[in-house]
Amino acid sequence: MQKKETYIIGIQIYMGVYICHKKTKKNRKKIVKQWLSKSIVKSINNIWLSF
């Protein structure tokens, strides 16, 4: 279960980075920051719930 969760989070991060690279350079940093903060919060919540 834990491995699967980590794998899914990894795919989400990869996809987010890929999508950000497709967008304009001007907005990229802002998008990446917003996206990463959301993902990290989700990941932390998932980790806390699994304990």
PDB file of N, CA and C in Angstrom:
ATOM      1  N   MET A   1       0.834  -1.203   0.000  1.00  0.00           N
ATOM      2  CA  MET A   1       0.000   0.000   0.000  1.00  0.00           C
ATOM      3  C   MET A   1       0.873   1.259   0.000  1.00  0.00           C
ATOM      4  N   GLN A   2       1.839   1.301   0.920  1.00  0.00           N
ATOM      5  CA  GLN A   2       2.708   2.476   1.048  1.00  0.00           C
ATOM      6  C   GLN A   2       3.507   2.707  -0.240  1.00  0.00           C
ATOM      7  N   LYS A   3       4.003   1.627  -0.848  1.00  0.00           N
ATOM      8  CA  LYS A   3       4.777   1.755  -2.074  1.00  0.00           C
ATOM      9  C   LYS A   3       3.926   2.346  -3.187  1.00  0.00           C
ATOM     10  N   LYS A   4       2.694   1.869  -3.297  1.00  0.00           N
ATOM     11  CA  LYS A   4       1.784   2.335  -4.337  1.00  0.00           C
ATOM     12  C   LYS A   4       1.515   3.839  -4.185  1.00  0.00           C
ATOM     13  N   GLU A   5       1.279   4.269  -2.944  1.00  0.00           N
ATOM     14  CA  GLU A   5       1.022   5.688  -2.653  1.00  0.00           C
ATOM     15  C   GLU A   5       2.206   6.532  -3.112  1.00  0.00           C
ATOM     16  N   THR A   6       3.416   6.111  -2.738  1.00  0.00           N
ATOM     17  CA  THR A   6       4.627   6.856  -3.094  1.00  0.00           C
ATOM     18  C   THR A   6       4.777   6.921  -4.601  1.00  0.00           C
ATOM     19  N   TYR A   7       4.487   5.821  -5.275  1.00  0.00           N
ATOM     20  CA  TYR A   7       4.582   5.737  -6.729  1.00  0.00           C
ATOM     21  C   TYR A   7       3.632   6.735  -7.375  1.00  0.00           C
ATOM     22  N   ILE A   8       2.397   6.794  -6.873  1.00  0.00           N
ATOM     23  CA  ILE A   8       1.383   7.700  -7.409  1.00  0.00           C
ATOM     24  C   ILE A   8       1.826   9.153  -7.206  1.00  0.00           C
ATOM     25  N   ILE A   9       2.358   9.462  -6.018  1.00  0.00           N
ATOM     26  CA  ILE A   9       2.834  10.815  -5.735  1.00  0.00           C
ATOM     27  C   ILE A   9       3.961  11.175  -6.706  1.00  0.00           C
ATOM     28  N   GLY A  10       4.850  10.219  -6.962  1.00  0.00           N
ATOM     29  CA  GLY A  10       5.953  10.437  -7.898  1.00  0.00           C
ATOM     30  C   GLY A  10       5.440  10.769  -9.288  1.00  0.00           C
ATOM     31  N   ILE A  11       4.441  10.038  -9.751  1.00  0.00           N
ATOM     32  CA  ILE A  11       3.846  10.274 -11.071  1.00  0.00           C
ATOM     33  C   ILE A  11       3.205  11.663 -11.104  1.00  0.00           C
ATOM     34  N   GLN A  12       2.498  12.027 -10.038  1.00  0.00           N
ATOM     35  CA  GLN A  12       1.846  13.341  -9.975  1.00  0.00           C
ATOM     36  C   GLN A  12       2.874  14.454 -10.085  1.00  0.00           C
ATOM     37  N   ILE A  13       3.992  14.322  -9.369  1.00  0.00           N
ATOM     38  CA  ILE A  13       5.045  15.333  -9.402  1.00  0.00           C
ATOM     39  C   ILE A  13       5.628  15.409 -10.805  1.00  0.00           C
ATOM     40  N   TYR A  14       5.920  14.247 -11.407  1.00  0.00           N
ATOM     41  CA  TYR A  14       6.483  14.192 -12.754  1.00  0.00           C
ATOM     42  C   TYR A  14       5.559  14.875 -13.759  1.00  0.00           C
ATOM     43  N   MET A  15       4.279  14.544 -13.682  1.00  0.00           N
ATOM     44  CA  MET A  15       3.294  15.121 -14.601  1.00  0.00           C
ATOM     45  C   MET A  15       3.191  16.631 -14.399  1.00  0.00           C
ATOM     46  N   GLY A  16       3.208  17.054 -13.156  1.00  0.00           N
ATOM     47  CA  GLY A  16       3.130  18.490 -12.849  1.00  0.00           C
ATOM     48  C   GLY A  16       4.301  19.244 -13.442  1.00  0.00           C
ATOM     49  N   VAL A  17       5.497  18.684 -13.290  1.00  0.00           N
ATOM     50  CA  VAL A  17       6.698  19.312 -13.838  1.00  0.00           C
ATOM     51  C   VAL A  17       6.608  19.351 -15.361  1.00  0.00           C
ATOM     52  N   TYR A  18       6.160  18.251 -15.961  1.00  0.00           N
ATOM     53  CA  TYR A  18       6.026  18.160 -17.412  1.00  0.00           C
ATOM     54  C   TYR A  18       5.057  19.216 -17.935  1.00  0.00           C
ATOM     55  N   ILE A  19       3.908  19.343 -17.268  1.00  0.00           N
ATOM     56  CA  ILE A  19       2.891  20.317 -17.668  1.00  0.00           C
ATOM     57  C   ILE A  19       3.459  21.735 -17.526  1.00  0.00           C
ATOM     58  N   CYS A  20       4.185  21.981 -16.433  1.00  0.00           N
ATOM     59  CA  CYS A  20       4.771  23.306 -16.211  1.00  0.00           C
ATOM     60  C   CYS A  20       5.768  23.652 -17.310  1.00  0.00           C
ATOM     61  N   HIS A  21       6.534  22.683 -17.776  1.00  0.00           N
ATOM     62  CA  HIS A  21       7.504  22.928 -18.842  1.00  0.00           C
ATOM     63  C   HIS A  21       6.815  23.304 -20.143  1.00  0.00           C
ATOM     64  N   LYS A  22       5.597  22.807 -20.338  1.00  0.00           N
ATOM     65  CA  LYS A  22       4.833  23.122 -21.547  1.00  0.00           C
ATOM     66  C   LYS A  22       4.334  24.559 -21.516  1.00  0.00           C
ATOM     67  N   LYS A  23       4.132  25.092 -20.314  1.00  0.00           N
ATOM     68  CA  LYS A  23       3.608  26.452 -20.179  1.00  0.00           C
ATOM     69  C   LYS A  23       4.722  27.474 -20.409  1.00  0.00           C
ATOM     70  N   THR A  24       4.336  28.740 -20.417  1.00  0.00           N
ATOM     71  CA  THR A  24       5.300  29.808 -20.680  1.00  0.00           C
ATOM     72  C   THR A  24       6.312  29.938 -19.549  1.00  0.00           C
ATOM     73  N   LYS A  25       7.513  30.402 -19.901  1.00  0.00           N
ATOM     74  CA  LYS A  25       8.585  30.566 -18.920  1.00  0.00           C
ATOM     75  C   LYS A  25       8.218  31.621 -17.882  1.00  0.00           C
ATOM     76  N   LYS A  26       7.491  32.615 -18.313  1.00  0.00           N
ATOM     77  CA  LYS A  26       7.126  33.735 -17.442  1.00  0.00           C
ATOM     78  C   LYS A  26       6.353  33.251 -16.216  1.00  0.00           C
ATOM     79  N   ASN A  27       5.381  32.368 -16.448  1.00  0.00           N
ATOM     80  CA  ASN A  27       4.514  31.904 -15.364  1.00  0.00           C
ATOM     81  C   ASN A  27       5.024  30.640 -14.696  1.00  0.00           C
ATOM     82  N   ARG A  28       6.059  30.043 -15.259  1.00  0.00           N
ATOM     83  CA  ARG A  28       6.482  28.710 -14.811  1.00  0.00           C
ATOM     84  C   ARG A  28       6.796  28.654 -13.320  1.00  0.00           C
ATOM     85  N   LYS A  29       7.624  29.579 -12.854  1.00  0.00           N
ATOM     86  CA  LYS A  29       8.036  29.527 -11.449  1.00  0.00           C
ATOM     87  C   LYS A  29       6.839  29.622 -10.519  1.00  0.00           C
ATOM     88  N   LYS A  30       5.924  30.520 -10.840  1.00  0.00           N
ATOM     89  CA  LYS A  30       4.734  30.707 -10.008  1.00  0.00           C
ATOM     90  C   LYS A  30       3.894  29.433  -9.996  1.00  0.00           C
ATOM     91  N   ILE A  31       3.692  28.859 -11.185  1.00  0.00           N
ATOM     92  CA  ILE A  31       2.884  27.641 -11.317  1.00  0.00           C
ATOM     93  C   ILE A  31       3.549  26.503 -10.535  1.00  0.00           C
ATOM     94  N   VAL A  32       4.857  26.350 -10.718  1.00  0.00           N
ATOM     95  CA  VAL A  32       5.590  25.271 -10.043  1.00  0.00           C
ATOM     96  C   VAL A  32       5.443  25.415  -8.532  1.00  0.00           C
ATOM     97  N   LYS A  33       5.628  26.645  -8.039  1.00  0.00           N
ATOM     98  CA  LYS A  33       5.528  26.862  -6.587  1.00  0.00           C
ATOM     99  C   LYS A  33       4.150  26.504  -6.074  1.00  0.00           C
ATOM    100  N   GLN A  34       3.112  26.979  -6.739  1.00  0.00           N
ATOM    101  CA  GLN A  34       1.730  26.694  -6.321  1.00  0.00           C
ATOM    102  C   GLN A  34       1.474  25.197  -6.358  1.00  0.00           C
ATOM    103  N   TRP A  35       1.889  24.574  -7.470  1.00  0.00           N
ATOM    104  CA  TRP A  35       1.634  23.156  -7.688  1.00  0.00           C
ATOM    105  C   TRP A  35       2.365  22.311  -6.649  1.00  0.00           C
ATOM    106  N   LEU A  36       3.654  22.652  -6.415  1.00  0.00           N
ATOM    107  CA  LEU A  36       4.447  21.893  -5.455  1.00  0.00           C
ATOM    108  C   LEU A  36       3.887  22.029  -4.053  1.00  0.00           C
ATOM    109  N   SER A  37       3.502  23.246  -3.674  1.00  0.00           N
ATOM    110  CA  SER A  37       2.980  23.428  -2.314  1.00  0.00           C
ATOM    111  C   SER A  37       1.718  22.608  -2.122  1.00  0.00           C
ATOM    112  N   LYS A  38       0.853  22.562  -3.140  1.00  0.00           N
ATOM    113  CA  LYS A  38      -0.368  21.751  -3.063  1.00  0.00           C
ATOM    114  C   LYS A  38      -0.012  20.267  -2.944  1.00  0.00           C
ATOM    115  N   SER A  39       0.910  19.811  -3.766  1.00  0.00           N
ATOM    116  CA  SER A  39       1.300  18.403  -3.777  1.00  0.00           C
ATOM    117  C   SER A  39       1.922  17.999  -2.457  1.00  0.00           C
ATOM    118  N   ILE A  40       2.797  18.863  -1.926  1.00  0.00           N
ATOM    119  CA  ILE A  40       3.483  18.550  -0.677  1.00  0.00           C
ATOM    120  C   ILE A  40       2.467  18.441   0.451  1.00  0.00           C
ATOM    121  N   VAL A  41       1.513  19.363   0.480  1.00  0.00           N
ATOM    122  CA  VAL A  41       0.466  19.324   1.512  1.00  0.00           C
ATOM    123  C   VAL A  41      -0.313  18.018   1.407  1.00  0.00           C
ATOM    124  N   LYS A  42      -0.669  17.637   0.173  1.00  0.00           N
ATOM    125  CA  LYS A  42      -1.393  16.375  -0.041  1.00  0.00           C
ATOM    126  C   LYS A  42      -0.564  15.193   0.436  1.00  0.00           C
ATOM    127  N   SER A  43       0.713  15.175   0.069  1.00  0.00           N
ATOM    128  CA  SER A  43       1.600  14.073   0.428  1.00  0.00           C
ATOM    129  C   SER A  43       1.716  13.949   1.937  1.00  0.00           C
ATOM    130  N   ILE A  44       1.906  15.096   2.609  1.00  0.00           N
ATOM    131  CA  ILE A  44       2.044  15.087   4.068  1.00  0.00           C
ATOM    132  C   ILE A  44       0.758  14.550   4.692  1.00  0.00           C
ATOM    133  N   ASN A  45      -0.380  15.001   4.194  1.00  0.00           N
ATOM    134  CA  ASN A  45      -1.668  14.523   4.711  1.00  0.00           C
ATOM    135  C   ASN A  45      -1.792  13.019   4.531  1.00  0.00           C
ATOM    136  N   ASN A  46      -1.412  12.517   3.365  1.00  0.00           N
ATOM    137  CA  ASN A  46      -1.478  11.080   3.098  1.00  0.00           C
ATOM    138  C   ASN A  46      -0.565  10.304   4.045  1.00  0.00           C
ATOM    139  N   ILE A  47       0.629  10.834   4.260  1.00  0.00           N
ATOM    140  CA  ILE A  47       1.593  10.161   5.137  1.00  0.00           C
ATOM    141  C   ILE A  47       1.050  10.131   6.566  1.00  0.00           C
ATOM    142  N   TRP A  48       0.501  11.268   7.023  1.00  0.00           N
ATOM    143  CA  TRP A  48      -0.064  11.332   8.378  1.00  0.00           C
ATOM    144  C   TRP A  48      -1.213  10.336   8.530  1.00  0.00           C
ATOM    145  N   LEU A  49      -2.071  10.265   7.505  1.00  0.00           N
ATOM    146  CA  LEU A  49      -3.218   9.362   7.575  1.00  0.00           C
ATOM    147  C   LEU A  49      -2.783   7.899   7.615  1.00  0.00           C
ATOM    148  N   SER A  50      -1.664   7.599   6.960  1.00  0.00           N
ATOM    149  CA  SER A  50      -1.223   6.203   6.890  1.00  0.00           C
ATOM    150  C   SER A  50      -0.620   5.708   8.203  1.00  0.00           C
ATOM    151  N   PHE A  51      -0.252   6.616   9.104  1.00  0.00           N
ATOM    152  CA  PHE A  51       0.344   6.194  10.377  1.00  0.00           C
ATOM    153  C   PHE A  51      -0.683   5.699  11.361  1.00  0.00           C
TER     154      PHE A  51
END
